Every structure is written in C-alpha cells, then in structure tokens.
Amino acid sequence: MIVKGLVKIVAAIAIAGFALIELGSPLWTKAQLDSTAHNAASDAAYAFGRTNDREQAYQAALDDTNGDGAKLDEFFVDDAGVVHVTVSKRAKSYLLHNFKKTRGWYEVHLRATAQPASR
C-alpha cells in the first residue's frame, strides 16, 4: 500500500516536471534570445558608428547571433543610423512542437534596435 502511494507521488512529480519543462522552454528561450537580440543590435550599432560600414555592422550582429545558436532573420540600418535586428531560435520541445496548434509556441522571434553612441 505504501509502495502504491509512493509510485503515484513519483509519477505525479515526473509528469509535473515534464510539463514545467515543456511549457517553460519557450519562456526560457525568449529570455535568452532577448539578450542575444540586444547584444547583436548594440554590437552592430557600435561597429556602424565606428566604421560607418553596414557590412561590418551586419557581421558584428551575425557573430553575436551565431555564437548563441540563434538565427539573424533581419538586419538593416535606417537613414538615421539606427540598427534594427530580428533574431529567432527554436525552443526545445519533446512533445508539443509536433502539434500544428502549438508548434508556433516554440518558434521564438524577437526584435531589437540600437543607435551608435556618436549619433
């Protein structure tokens, strides 16, 4: 009788842990990606402010995103010299990414902007 109760408790803890990991993964990925997006925008803005070269700014943003396992989806420098980046990353999922209705939860996209300090 004690063994049955213990098995139920262990099973409940395992299911709750799995649910926490599965549902928390997009939130954790978003927090990590927020840092990556802002670092990419800031480093690109610094490079652009120093060199006035869009290609070097792009490379700085690309280096930041690649180092964190993210993807640089969009990059541009507007007429005012403000750098705009959009980065994405797939959150880890064991189950829910297999369903059409929940697949989008695990595709995390974030935008960030930064302006060179000298402007």
PDB file of N, CA and C in Angstrom:
ATOM      1  N   MET A   1       0.812  -1.184   0.000  1.00  0.00           N
ATOM      2  CA  MET A   1       0.000   0.000   0.000  1.00  0.00           C
ATOM      3  C   MET A   1       0.869   1.268   0.000  1.00  0.00           C
ATOM      4  N   ILE A   2       1.906   1.262   0.779  1.00  0.00           N
ATOM      5  CA  ILE A   2       2.814   2.404   0.805  1.00  0.00           C
ATOM      6  C   ILE A   2       3.530   2.526  -0.534  1.00  0.00           C
ATOM      7  N   VAL A   3       3.876   1.399  -1.126  1.00  0.00           N
ATOM      8  CA  VAL A   3       4.566   1.405  -2.411  1.00  0.00           C
ATOM      9  C   VAL A   3       3.678   2.005  -3.497  1.00  0.00           C
ATOM     10  N   LYS A   4       2.394   1.650  -3.504  1.00  0.00           N
ATOM     11  CA  LYS A   4       1.464   2.211  -4.485  1.00  0.00           C
ATOM     12  C   LYS A   4       1.380   3.734  -4.355  1.00  0.00           C
ATOM     13  N   GLY A   5       1.270   4.201  -3.146  1.00  0.00           N
ATOM     14  CA  GLY A   5       1.202   5.644  -2.905  1.00  0.00           C
ATOM     15  C   GLY A   5       2.483   6.337  -3.329  1.00  0.00           C
ATOM     16  N   LEU A   6       3.614   5.705  -3.040  1.00  0.00           N
ATOM     17  CA  LEU A   6       4.910   6.271  -3.418  1.00  0.00           C
ATOM     18  C   LEU A   6       5.062   6.328  -4.940  1.00  0.00           C
ATOM     19  N   VAL A   7       4.613   5.294  -5.618  1.00  0.00           N
ATOM     20  CA  VAL A   7       4.667   5.266  -7.083  1.00  0.00           C
ATOM     21  C   VAL A   7       3.804   6.381  -7.666  1.00  0.00           C
ATOM     22  N   LYS A   8       2.630   6.603  -7.094  1.00  0.00           N
ATOM     23  CA  LYS A   8       1.750   7.675  -7.567  1.00  0.00           C
ATOM     24  C   LYS A   8       2.399   9.041  -7.367  1.00  0.00           C
ATOM     25  N   ILE A   9       3.035   9.228  -6.231  1.00  0.00           N
ATOM     26  CA  ILE A   9       3.699  10.506  -5.950  1.00  0.00           C
ATOM     27  C   ILE A   9       4.847  10.738  -6.924  1.00  0.00           C
ATOM     28  N   VAL A  10       5.660   9.716  -7.135  1.00  0.00           N
ATOM     29  CA  VAL A  10       6.789   9.835  -8.065  1.00  0.00           C
ATOM     30  C   VAL A  10       6.283  10.107  -9.481  1.00  0.00           C
ATOM     31  N   ALA A  11       5.228   9.418  -9.895  1.00  0.00           N
ATOM     32  CA  ALA A  11       4.657   9.634 -11.229  1.00  0.00           C
ATOM     33  C   ALA A  11       4.114  11.054 -11.363  1.00  0.00           C
ATOM     34  N   ALA A  12       3.434  11.541 -10.338  1.00  0.00           N
ATOM     35  CA  ALA A  12       2.887  12.901 -10.376  1.00  0.00           C
ATOM     36  C   ALA A  12       4.007  13.932 -10.464  1.00  0.00           C
ATOM     37  N   ILE A  13       5.081  13.727  -9.713  1.00  0.00           N
ATOM     38  CA  ILE A  13       6.222  14.651  -9.759  1.00  0.00           C
ATOM     39  C   ILE A  13       6.868  14.625 -11.143  1.00  0.00           C
ATOM     40  N   ALA A  14       7.003  13.428 -11.722  1.00  0.00           N
ATOM     41  CA  ALA A  14       7.602  13.305 -13.055  1.00  0.00           C
ATOM     42  C   ALA A  14       6.751  14.006 -14.112  1.00  0.00           C
ATOM     43  N   ILE A  15       5.447  13.829 -14.047  1.00  0.00           N
ATOM     44  CA  ILE A  15       4.548  14.468 -15.017  1.00  0.00           C
ATOM     45  C   ILE A  15       4.573  15.986 -14.854  1.00  0.00           C
ATOM     46  N   ALA A  16       4.554  16.446 -13.609  1.00  0.00           N
ATOM     47  CA  ALA A  16       4.607  17.888 -13.360  1.00  0.00           C
ATOM     48  C   ALA A  16       5.936  18.471 -13.848  1.00  0.00           C
ATOM     49  N   GLY A  17       7.024  17.761 -13.615  1.00  0.00           N
ATOM     50  CA  GLY A  17       8.336  18.218 -14.085  1.00  0.00           C
ATOM     51  C   GLY A  17       8.400  18.292 -15.599  1.00  0.00           C
ATOM     52  N   PHE A  18       7.873  17.276 -16.263  1.00  0.00           N
ATOM     53  CA  PHE A  18       7.844  17.267 -17.722  1.00  0.00           C
ATOM     54  C   PHE A  18       7.025  18.444 -18.251  1.00  0.00           C
ATOM     55  N   ALA A  19       5.861  18.671 -17.653  1.00  0.00           N
ATOM     56  CA  ALA A  19       5.003  19.782 -18.084  1.00  0.00           C
ATOM     57  C   ALA A  19       5.697  21.125 -17.864  1.00  0.00           C
ATOM     58  N   LEU A  20       6.382  21.258 -16.743  1.00  0.00           N
ATOM     59  CA  LEU A  20       7.096  22.501 -16.453  1.00  0.00           C
ATOM     60  C   LEU A  20       8.188  22.759 -17.484  1.00  0.00           C
ATOM     61  N   ILE A  21       8.936  21.732 -17.817  1.00  0.00           N
ATOM     62  CA  ILE A  21       9.999  21.881 -18.812  1.00  0.00           C
ATOM     63  C   ILE A  21       9.410  22.175 -20.190  1.00  0.00           C
ATOM     64  N   GLU A  22       8.393  21.430 -20.568  1.00  0.00           N
ATOM     65  CA  GLU A  22       7.784  21.579 -21.898  1.00  0.00           C
ATOM     66  C   GLU A  22       7.149  22.962 -22.074  1.00  0.00           C
ATOM     67  N   LEU A  23       6.436  23.437 -21.072  1.00  0.00           N
ATOM     68  CA  LEU A  23       5.754  24.725 -21.183  1.00  0.00           C
ATOM     69  C   LEU A  23       6.671  25.906 -20.866  1.00  0.00           C
ATOM     70  N   GLY A  24       7.710  25.671 -20.079  1.00  0.00           N
ATOM     71  CA  GLY A  24       8.628  26.746 -19.718  1.00  0.00           C
ATOM     72  C   GLY A  24       9.715  26.992 -20.743  1.00  0.00           C
ATOM     73  N   SER A  25       9.941  26.042 -21.614  1.00  0.00           N
ATOM     74  CA  SER A  25      11.007  26.161 -22.602  1.00  0.00           C
ATOM     75  C   SER A  25      10.882  27.400 -23.492  1.00  0.00           C
ATOM     76  N   PRO A  26       9.710  27.725 -24.031  1.00  0.00           N
ATOM     77  CA  PRO A  26       9.613  28.943 -24.847  1.00  0.00           C
ATOM     78  C   PRO A  26       9.911  30.218 -24.048  1.00  0.00           C
ATOM     79  N   LEU A  27       9.518  30.237 -22.789  1.00  0.00           N
ATOM     80  CA  LEU A  27       9.793  31.416 -21.953  1.00  0.00           C
ATOM     81  C   LEU A  27      11.285  31.558 -21.691  1.00  0.00           C
ATOM     82  N   TRP A  28      11.932  30.451 -21.404  1.00  0.00           N
ATOM     83  CA  TRP A  28      13.379  30.455 -21.153  1.00  0.00           C
ATOM     84  C   TRP A  28      14.127  30.873 -22.422  1.00  0.00           C
ATOM     85  N   THR A  29      13.705  30.343 -23.555  1.00  0.00           N
ATOM     86  CA  THR A  29      14.337  30.685 -24.827  1.00  0.00           C
ATOM     87  C   THR A  29      14.132  32.158 -25.146  1.00  0.00           C
ATOM     88  N   LYS A  30      12.951  32.685 -24.854  1.00  0.00           N
ATOM     89  CA  LYS A  30      12.680  34.106 -25.103  1.00  0.00           C
ATOM     90  C   LYS A  30      13.587  34.991 -24.251  1.00  0.00           C
ATOM     91  N   ALA A  31      13.801  34.605 -23.002  1.00  0.00           N
ATOM     92  CA  ALA A  31      14.688  35.378 -22.130  1.00  0.00           C
ATOM     93  C   ALA A  31      16.117  35.366 -22.660  1.00  0.00           C
ATOM     94  N   GLN A  32      16.574  34.212 -23.108  1.00  0.00           N
ATOM     95  CA  GLN A  32      17.918  34.119 -23.677  1.00  0.00           C
ATOM     96  C   GLN A  32      18.011  34.910 -24.979  1.00  0.00           C
ATOM     97  N   LEU A  33      16.999  34.802 -25.811  1.00  0.00           N
ATOM     98  CA  LEU A  33      17.005  35.464 -27.107  1.00  0.00           C
ATOM     99  C   LEU A  33      16.923  36.983 -26.967  1.00  0.00           C
ATOM    100  N   ASP A  34      16.278  37.461 -25.926  1.00  0.00           N
ATOM    101  CA  ASP A  34      16.209  38.898 -25.676  1.00  0.00           C
ATOM    102  C   ASP A  34      17.611  39.461 -25.493  1.00  0.00           C
ATOM    103  N   SER A  35      18.411  38.773 -24.724  1.00  0.00           N
ATOM    104  CA  SER A  35      19.793  39.188 -24.509  1.00  0.00           C
ATOM    105  C   SER A  35      20.583  39.135 -25.814  1.00  0.00           C
ATOM    106  N   THR A  36      20.405  38.069 -26.566  1.00  0.00           N
ATOM    107  CA  THR A  36      21.105  37.917 -27.844  1.00  0.00           C
ATOM    108  C   THR A  36      20.726  39.032 -28.812  1.00  0.00           C
ATOM    109  N   ALA A  37      19.438  39.336 -28.918  1.00  0.00           N
ATOM    110  CA  ALA A  37      18.970  40.368 -29.845  1.00  0.00           C
ATOM    111  C   ALA A  37      19.538  41.733 -29.481  1.00  0.00           C
ATOM    112  N   HIS A  38      19.514  42.069 -28.205  1.00  0.00           N
ATOM    113  CA  HIS A  38      20.030  43.374 -27.795  1.00  0.00           C
ATOM    114  C   HIS A  38      21.545  43.455 -27.940  1.00  0.00           C
ATOM    115  N   ASN A  39      22.242  42.371 -27.651  1.00  0.00           N
ATOM    116  CA  ASN A  39      23.695  42.363 -27.856  1.00  0.00           C
ATOM    117  C   ASN A  39      24.038  42.511 -29.333  1.00  0.00           C
ATOM    118  N   ALA A  40      23.305  41.811 -30.186  1.00  0.00           N
ATOM    119  CA  ALA A  40      23.556  41.898 -31.627  1.00  0.00           C
ATOM    120  C   ALA A  40      23.314  43.321 -32.131  1.00  0.00           C
ATOM    121  N   ALA A  41      22.217  43.931 -31.707  1.00  0.00           N
ATOM    122  CA  ALA A  41      21.916  45.300 -32.133  1.00  0.00           C
ATOM    123  C   ALA A  41      22.958  46.280 -31.600  1.00  0.00           C
ATOM    124  N   SER A  42      23.341  46.136 -30.345  1.00  0.00           N
ATOM    125  CA  SER A  42      24.324  47.046 -29.744  1.00  0.00           C
ATOM    126  C   SER A  42      25.693  46.915 -30.398  1.00  0.00           C
ATOM    127  N   ASP A  43      26.132  45.677 -30.605  1.00  0.00           N
ATOM    128  CA  ASP A  43      27.440  45.475 -31.230  1.00  0.00           C
ATOM    129  C   ASP A  43      27.448  45.963 -32.674  1.00  0.00           C
ATOM    130  N   ALA A  44      26.348  45.741 -33.382  1.00  0.00           N
ATOM    131  CA  ALA A  44      26.252  46.227 -34.759  1.00  0.00           C
ATOM    132  C   ALA A  44      26.232  47.756 -34.791  1.00  0.00           C
ATOM    133  N   ALA A  45      25.519  48.374 -33.858  1.00  0.00           N
ATOM    134  CA  ALA A  45      25.479  49.838 -33.793  1.00  0.00           C
ATOM    135  C   ALA A  45      26.858  50.400 -33.468  1.00  0.00           C
ATOM    136  N   TYR A  46      27.566  49.737 -32.576  1.00  0.00           N
ATOM    137  CA  TYR A  46      28.930  50.175 -32.246  1.00  0.00           C
ATOM    138  C   TYR A  46      29.827  50.079 -33.479  1.00  0.00           C
ATOM    139  N   ALA A  47      29.747  48.948 -34.180  1.00  0.00           N
ATOM    140  CA  ALA A  47      30.562  48.765 -35.384  1.00  0.00           C
ATOM    141  C   ALA A  47      30.194  49.788 -36.455  1.00  0.00           C
ATOM    142  N   PHE A  48      28.906  50.042 -36.623  1.00  0.00           N
ATOM    143  CA  PHE A  48      28.473  51.017 -37.623  1.00  0.00           C
ATOM    144  C   PHE A  48      28.914  52.426 -37.239  1.00  0.00           C
ATOM    145  N   GLY A  49      28.811  52.769 -35.971  1.00  0.00           N
ATOM    146  CA  GLY A  49      29.232  54.091 -35.515  1.00  0.00           C
ATOM    147  C   GLY A  49      30.731  54.313 -35.667  1.00  0.00           C
ATOM    148  N   ARG A  50      31.494  53.241 -35.503  1.00  0.00           N
ATOM    149  CA  ARG A  50      32.952  53.325 -35.603  1.00  0.00           C
ATOM    150  C   ARG A  50      33.416  53.388 -37.056  1.00  0.00           C
ATOM    151  N   THR A  51      32.779  52.608 -37.939  1.00  0.00           N
ATOM    152  CA  THR A  51      33.279  52.465 -39.310  1.00  0.00           C
ATOM    153  C   THR A  51      32.355  53.052 -40.376  1.00  0.00           C
ATOM    154  N   ASN A  52      31.095  53.269 -40.034  1.00  0.00           N
ATOM    155  CA  ASN A  52      30.074  53.705 -40.995  1.00  0.00           C
ATOM    156  C   ASN A  52      29.927  52.701 -42.145  1.00  0.00           C
ATOM    157  N   ASP A  53      30.194  51.439 -41.844  1.00  0.00           N
ATOM    158  CA  ASP A  53      30.139  50.363 -42.837  1.00  0.00           C
ATOM    159  C   ASP A  53      29.038  49.376 -42.442  1.00  0.00           C
ATOM    160  N   ARG A  54      28.007  49.298 -43.263  1.00  0.00           N
ATOM    161  CA  ARG A  54      26.876  48.412 -42.969  1.00  0.00           C
ATOM    162  C   ARG A  54      27.297  46.941 -42.950  1.00  0.00           C
ATOM    163  N   GLU A  55      28.236  46.567 -43.785  1.00  0.00           N
ATOM    164  CA  GLU A  55      28.681  45.172 -43.844  1.00  0.00           C
ATOM    165  C   GLU A  55      29.382  44.757 -42.545  1.00  0.00           C
ATOM    166  N   GLN A  56      30.211  45.633 -42.001  1.00  0.00           N
ATOM    167  CA  GLN A  56      30.860  45.322 -40.718  1.00  0.00           C
ATOM    168  C   GLN A  56      29.834  45.270 -39.592  1.00  0.00           C
ATOM    169  N   ALA A  57      28.845  46.133 -39.653  1.00  0.00           N
ATOM    170  CA  ALA A  57      27.778  46.110 -38.650  1.00  0.00           C
ATOM    171  C   ALA A  57      26.999  44.802 -38.746  1.00  0.00           C
ATOM    172  N   TYR A  58      26.699  44.390 -39.968  1.00  0.00           N
ATOM    173  CA  TYR A  58      25.993  43.120 -40.181  1.00  0.00           C
ATOM    174  C   TYR A  58      26.816  41.956 -39.636  1.00  0.00           C
ATOM    175  N   GLN A  59      28.106  41.960 -39.912  1.00  0.00           N
ATOM    176  CA  GLN A  59      28.970  40.875 -39.441  1.00  0.00           C
ATOM    177  C   GLN A  59      29.014  40.830 -37.911  1.00  0.00           C
ATOM    178  N   ALA A  60      29.018  41.984 -37.268  1.00  0.00           N
ATOM    179  CA  ALA A  60      29.010  42.028 -35.799  1.00  0.00           C
ATOM    180  C   ALA A  60      27.719  41.416 -35.252  1.00  0.00           C
ATOM    181  N   ALA A  61      26.599  41.743 -35.875  1.00  0.00           N
ATOM    182  CA  ALA A  61      25.315  41.167 -35.444  1.00  0.00           C
ATOM    183  C   ALA A  61      25.283  39.668 -35.699  1.00  0.00           C
ATOM    184  N   LEU A  62      25.797  39.258 -36.826  1.00  0.00           N
ATOM    185  CA  LEU A  62      25.824  37.839 -37.183  1.00  0.00           C
ATOM    186  C   LEU A  62      26.691  37.042 -36.214  1.00  0.00           C
ATOM    187  N   ASP A  63      27.828  37.602 -35.830  1.00  0.00           N
ATOM    188  CA  ASP A  63      28.713  36.925 -34.869  1.00  0.00           C
ATOM    189  C   ASP A  63      28.011  36.699 -33.539  1.00  0.00           C
ATOM    190  N   ASP A  64      27.258  37.695 -33.084  1.00  0.00           N
ATOM    191  CA  ASP A  64      26.537  37.547 -31.813  1.00  0.00           C
ATOM    192  C   ASP A  64      25.456  36.480 -31.889  1.00  0.00           C
ATOM    193  N   THR A  65      24.707  36.477 -32.971  1.00  0.00           N
ATOM    194  CA  THR A  65      23.611  35.511 -33.063  1.00  0.00           C
ATOM    195  C   THR A  65      24.125  34.097 -33.267  1.00  0.00           C
ATOM    196  N   ASN A  66      25.145  33.931 -34.077  1.00  0.00           N
ATOM    197  CA  ASN A  66      25.688  32.590 -34.307  1.00  0.00           C
ATOM    198  C   ASN A  66      26.308  32.015 -33.048  1.00  0.00           C
ATOM    199  N   GLY A  67      26.912  32.854 -32.242  1.00  0.00           N
ATOM    200  CA  GLY A  67      27.535  32.390 -31.007  1.00  0.00           C
ATOM    201  C   GLY A  67      26.529  31.860 -30.000  1.00  0.00           C
ATOM    202  N   ASP A  68      25.293  32.302 -30.096  1.00  0.00           N
ATOM    203  CA  ASP A  68      24.256  31.874 -29.153  1.00  0.00           C
ATOM    204  C   ASP A  68      23.289  30.854 -29.750  1.00  0.00           C
ATOM    205  N   GLY A  69      23.592  30.371 -30.929  1.00  0.00           N
ATOM    206  CA  GLY A  69      22.717  29.379 -31.552  1.00  0.00           C
ATOM    207  C   GLY A  69      21.433  29.957 -32.112  1.00  0.00           C
ATOM    208  N   ALA A  70      21.391  31.261 -32.259  1.00  0.00           N
ATOM    209  CA  ALA A  70      20.206  31.922 -32.811  1.00  0.00           C
ATOM    210  C   ALA A  70      20.426  32.189 -34.296  1.00  0.00           C
ATOM    211  N   LYS A  71      19.385  32.653 -34.943  1.00  0.00           N
ATOM    212  CA  LYS A  71      19.445  32.958 -36.370  1.00  0.00           C
ATOM    213  C   LYS A  71      19.119  34.436 -36.562  1.00  0.00           C
ATOM    214  N   LEU A  72      19.924  35.114 -37.351  1.00  0.00           N
ATOM    215  CA  LEU A  72      19.669  36.514 -37.679  1.00  0.00           C
ATOM    216  C   LEU A  72      18.710  36.547 -38.864  1.00  0.00           C
ATOM    217  N   ASP A  73      17.451  36.860 -38.603  1.00  0.00           N
ATOM    218  CA  ASP A  73      16.419  36.842 -39.640  1.00  0.00           C
ATOM    219  C   ASP A  73      16.379  38.128 -40.453  1.00  0.00           C
ATOM    220  N   GLU A  74      16.625  39.244 -39.776  1.00  0.00           N
ATOM    221  CA  GLU A  74      16.525  40.533 -40.454  1.00  0.00           C
ATOM    222  C   GLU A  74      17.556  41.480 -39.869  1.00  0.00           C
ATOM    223  N   PHE A  75      18.167  42.276 -40.744  1.00  0.00           N
ATOM    224  CA  PHE A  75      19.138  43.269 -40.319  1.00  0.00           C
ATOM    225  C   PHE A  75      19.060  44.445 -41.280  1.00  0.00           C
ATOM    226  N   PHE A  76      18.946  45.644 -40.722  1.00  0.00           N
ATOM    227  CA  PHE A  76      19.083  46.830 -41.562  1.00  0.00           C
ATOM    228  C   PHE A  76      19.441  48.028 -40.700  1.00  0.00           C
ATOM    229  N   VAL A  77      20.057  48.998 -41.359  1.00  0.00           N
ATOM    230  CA  VAL A  77      20.403  50.267 -40.728  1.00  0.00           C
ATOM    231  C   VAL A  77      19.568  51.321 -41.431  1.00  0.00           C
ATOM    232  N   ASP A  78      18.758  52.046 -40.656  1.00  0.00           N
ATOM    233  CA  ASP A  78      17.894  53.050 -41.285  1.00  0.00           C
ATOM    234  C   ASP A  78      18.671  54.334 -41.579  1.00  0.00           C
ATOM    235  N   ASP A  79      18.000  55.310 -42.150  1.00  0.00           N
ATOM    236  CA  ASP A  79      18.649  56.561 -42.560  1.00  0.00           C
ATOM    237  C   ASP A  79      19.219  57.345 -41.387  1.00  0.00           C
ATOM    238  N   ALA A  80      18.668  57.148 -40.202  1.00  0.00           N
ATOM    239  CA  ALA A  80      19.162  57.841 -39.008  1.00  0.00           C
ATOM    240  C   ALA A  80      20.340  57.104 -38.373  1.00  0.00           C
ATOM    241  N   GLY A  81      20.722  55.958 -38.932  1.00  0.00           N
ATOM    242  CA  GLY A  81      21.840  55.191 -38.388  1.00  0.00           C
ATOM    243  C   GLY A  81      21.444  54.215 -37.302  1.00  0.00           C
ATOM    244  N   VAL A  82      20.150  54.031 -37.100  1.00  0.00           N
ATOM    245  CA  VAL A  82      19.667  53.093 -36.087  1.00  0.00           C
ATOM    246  C   VAL A  82      19.696  51.686 -36.673  1.00  0.00           C
ATOM    247  N   VAL A  83      20.275  50.764 -35.913  1.00  0.00           N
ATOM    248  CA  VAL A  83      20.377  49.373 -36.348  1.00  0.00           C
ATOM    249  C   VAL A  83      19.148  48.614 -35.859  1.00  0.00           C
ATOM    250  N   HIS A  84      18.535  47.857 -36.758  1.00  0.00           N
ATOM    251  CA  HIS A  84      17.366  47.033 -36.443  1.00  0.00           C
ATOM    252  C   HIS A  84      17.726  45.578 -36.720  1.00  0.00           C
ATOM    253  N   VAL A  85      17.490  44.711 -35.749  1.00  0.00           N
ATOM    254  CA  VAL A  85      17.733  43.280 -35.948  1.00  0.00           C
ATOM    255  C   VAL A  85      16.503  42.492 -35.509  1.00  0.00           C
ATOM    256  N   THR A  86      16.281  41.384 -36.175  1.00  0.00           N
ATOM    257  CA  THR A  86      15.284  40.400 -35.766  1.00  0.00           C
ATOM    258  C   THR A  86      16.006  39.065 -35.694  1.00  0.00           C
ATOM    259  N   VAL A  87      15.898  38.417 -34.548  1.00  0.00           N
ATOM    260  CA  VAL A  87      16.564  37.129 -34.352  1.00  0.00           C
ATOM    261  C   VAL A  87      15.527  36.080 -33.966  1.00  0.00           C
ATOM    262  N   SER A  88      15.858  34.835 -34.227  1.00  0.00           N
ATOM    263  CA  SER A  88      14.935  33.754 -33.884  1.00  0.00           C
ATOM    264  C   SER A  88      15.710  32.547 -33.384  1.00  0.00           C
ATOM    265  N   LYS A  89      14.981  31.717 -32.678  1.00  0.00           N
ATOM    266  CA  LYS A  89      15.563  30.481 -32.157  1.00  0.00           C
ATOM    267  C   LYS A  89      14.413  29.524 -31.854  1.00  0.00           C
ATOM    268  N   ARG A  90      14.648  28.258 -32.064  1.00  0.00           N
ATOM    269  CA  ARG A  90      13.630  27.249 -31.760  1.00  0.00           C
ATOM    270  C   ARG A  90      13.820  26.785 -30.320  1.00  0.00           C
ATOM    271  N   ALA A  91      12.751  26.865 -29.552  1.00  0.00           N
ATOM    272  CA  ALA A  91      12.779  26.392 -28.166  1.00  0.00           C
ATOM    273  C   ALA A  91      12.728  24.868 -28.149  1.00  0.00           C
ATOM    274  N   LYS A  92      13.347  24.293 -27.164  1.00  0.00           N
ATOM    275  CA  LYS A  92      13.367  22.837 -27.029  1.00  0.00           C
ATOM    276  C   LYS A  92      11.972  22.340 -26.650  1.00  0.00           C
ATOM    277  N   SER A  93      11.551  21.298 -27.330  1.00  0.00           N
ATOM    278  CA  SER A  93      10.263  20.683 -27.047  1.00  0.00           C
ATOM    279  C   SER A  93      10.363  19.196 -27.325  1.00  0.00           C
ATOM    280  N   TYR A  94       9.760  18.422 -26.451  1.00  0.00           N
ATOM    281  CA  TYR A  94       9.752  16.976 -26.631  1.00  0.00           C
ATOM    282  C   TYR A  94       8.439  16.479 -27.224  1.00  0.00           C
ATOM    283  N   LEU A  95       7.371  17.244 -27.027  1.00  0.00           N
ATOM    284  CA  LEU A  95       6.058  16.759 -27.424  1.00  0.00           C
ATOM    285  C   LEU A  95       5.228  17.789 -28.192  1.00  0.00           C
ATOM    286  N   LEU A  96       5.025  18.954 -27.614  1.00  0.00           N
ATOM    287  CA  LEU A  96       4.050  19.900 -28.156  1.00  0.00           C
ATOM    288  C   LEU A  96       4.428  20.499 -29.506  1.00  0.00           C
ATOM    289  N   HIS A  97       5.700  20.491 -29.871  1.00  0.00           N
ATOM    290  CA  HIS A  97       6.078  21.024 -31.185  1.00  0.00           C
ATOM    291  C   HIS A  97       5.577  20.137 -32.326  1.00  0.00           C
ATOM    292  N   ASN A  98       5.127  18.938 -31.991  1.00  0.00           N
ATOM    293  CA  ASN A  98       4.609  18.016 -33.007  1.00  0.00           C
ATOM    294  C   ASN A  98       3.175  18.333 -33.436  1.00  0.00           C
ATOM    295  N   PHE A  99       2.499  19.189 -32.696  1.00  0.00           N
ATOM    296  CA  PHE A  99       1.111  19.525 -32.993  1.00  0.00           C
ATOM    297  C   PHE A  99       1.033  20.887 -33.677  1.00  0.00           C
ATOM    298  N   LYS A 100       0.230  20.960 -34.710  1.00  0.00           N
ATOM    299  CA  LYS A 100       0.122  22.179 -35.504  1.00  0.00           C
ATOM    300  C   LYS A 100      -0.271  23.398 -34.666  1.00  0.00           C
ATOM    301  N   LYS A 101      -1.200  23.215 -33.736  1.00  0.00           N
ATOM    302  CA  LYS A 101      -1.703  24.338 -32.935  1.00  0.00           C
ATOM    303  C   LYS A 101      -0.674  24.880 -31.949  1.00  0.00           C
ATOM    304  N   THR A 102       0.260  24.069 -31.520  1.00  0.00           N
ATOM    305  CA  THR A 102       1.243  24.516 -30.526  1.00  0.00           C
ATOM    306  C   THR A 102       2.640  24.687 -31.105  1.00  0.00           C
ATOM    307  N   ARG A 103       2.829  24.359 -32.358  1.00  0.00           N
ATOM    308  CA  ARG A 103       4.157  24.449 -32.975  1.00  0.00           C
ATOM    309  C   ARG A 103       4.711  25.870 -32.918  1.00  0.00           C
ATOM    310  N   GLY A 104       3.864  26.852 -33.128  1.00  0.00           N
ATOM    311  CA  GLY A 104       4.294  28.245 -33.122  1.00  0.00           C
ATOM    312  C   GLY A 104       4.831  28.718 -31.780  1.00  0.00           C
ATOM    313  N   TRP A 105       4.447  28.069 -30.700  1.00  0.00           N
ATOM    314  CA  TRP A 105       4.941  28.450 -29.373  1.00  0.00           C
ATOM    315  C   TRP A 105       6.452  28.295 -29.288  1.00  0.00           C
ATOM    316  N   TYR A 106       6.987  27.392 -30.063  1.00  0.00           N
ATOM    317  CA  TYR A 106       8.396  27.028 -29.944  1.00  0.00           C
ATOM    318  C   TYR A 106       9.280  27.729 -30.966  1.00  0.00           C
ATOM    319  N   GLU A 107       8.689  28.552 -31.819  1.00  0.00           N
ATOM    320  CA  GLU A 107       9.442  29.394 -32.748  1.00  0.00           C
ATOM    321  C   GLU A 107       9.465  30.800 -32.157  1.00  0.00           C
ATOM    322  N   VAL A 108      10.561  31.159 -31.522  1.00  0.00           N
ATOM    323  CA  VAL A 108      10.656  32.432 -30.800  1.00  0.00           C
ATOM    324  C   VAL A 108      11.370  33.455 -31.684  1.00  0.00           C
ATOM    325  N   HIS A 109      10.754  34.625 -31.876  1.00  0.00           N
ATOM    326  CA  HIS A 109      11.311  35.719 -32.682  1.00  0.00           C
ATOM    327  C   HIS A 109      11.314  36.983 -31.828  1.00  0.00           C
ATOM    328  N   LEU A 110      12.413  37.721 -31.874  1.00  0.00           N
ATOM    329  CA  LEU A 110      12.499  38.987 -31.141  1.00  0.00           C
ATOM    330  C   LEU A 110      13.185  40.048 -31.993  1.00  0.00           C
ATOM    331  N   ARG A 111      12.765  41.285 -31.792  1.00  0.00           N
ATOM    332  CA  ARG A 111      13.372  42.430 -32.474  1.00  0.00           C
ATOM    333  C   ARG A 111      14.075  43.310 -31.453  1.00  0.00           C
ATOM    334  N   ALA A 112      15.131  43.961 -31.923  1.00  0.00           N
ATOM    335  CA  ALA A 112      15.841  44.920 -31.076  1.00  0.00           C
ATOM    336  C   ALA A 112      16.419  46.014 -31.967  1.00  0.00           C
ATOM    337  N   THR A 113      16.600  47.184 -31.386  1.00  0.00           N
ATOM    338  CA  THR A 113      17.222  48.298 -32.100  1.00  0.00           C
ATOM    339  C   THR A 113      18.299  48.901 -31.222  1.00  0.00           C
ATOM    340  N   ALA A 114      19.248  49.547 -31.865  1.00  0.00           N
ATOM    341  CA  ALA A 114      20.302  50.258 -31.133  1.00  0.00           C
ATOM    342  C   ALA A 114      20.829  51.370 -32.024  1.00  0.00           C
ATOM    343  N   GLN A 115      21.290  52.409 -31.375  1.00  0.00           N
ATOM    344  CA  GLN A 115      21.811  53.566 -32.089  1.00  0.00           C
ATOM    345  C   GLN A 115      23.267  53.757 -31.696  1.00  0.00           C
ATOM    346  N   PRO A 116      24.134  54.087 -32.655  1.00  0.00           N
ATOM    347  CA  PRO A 116      25.535  54.348 -32.306  1.00  0.00           C
ATOM    348  C   PRO A 116      25.637  55.488 -31.300  1.00  0.00           C
ATOM    349  N   ALA A 117      26.600  55.403 -30.428  1.00  0.00           N
ATOM    350  CA  ALA A 117      26.753  56.388 -29.351  1.00  0.00           C
ATOM    351  C   ALA A 117      27.063  57.780 -29.881  1.00  0.00           C
ATOM    352  N   SER A 118      27.732  57.873 -31.007  1.00  0.00           N
ATOM    353  CA  SER A 118      28.149  59.178 -31.519  1.00  0.00           C
ATOM    354  C   SER A 118      27.041  59.925 -32.241  1.00  0.00           C
ATOM    355  N   ARG A 119      25.863  59.323 -32.358  1.00  0.00           N
ATOM    356  CA  ARG A 119      24.770  59.972 -33.107  1.00  0.00           C
ATOM    357  C   ARG A 119      23.754  60.561 -32.178  1.00  0.00           C
TER     358      ARG A 119
END
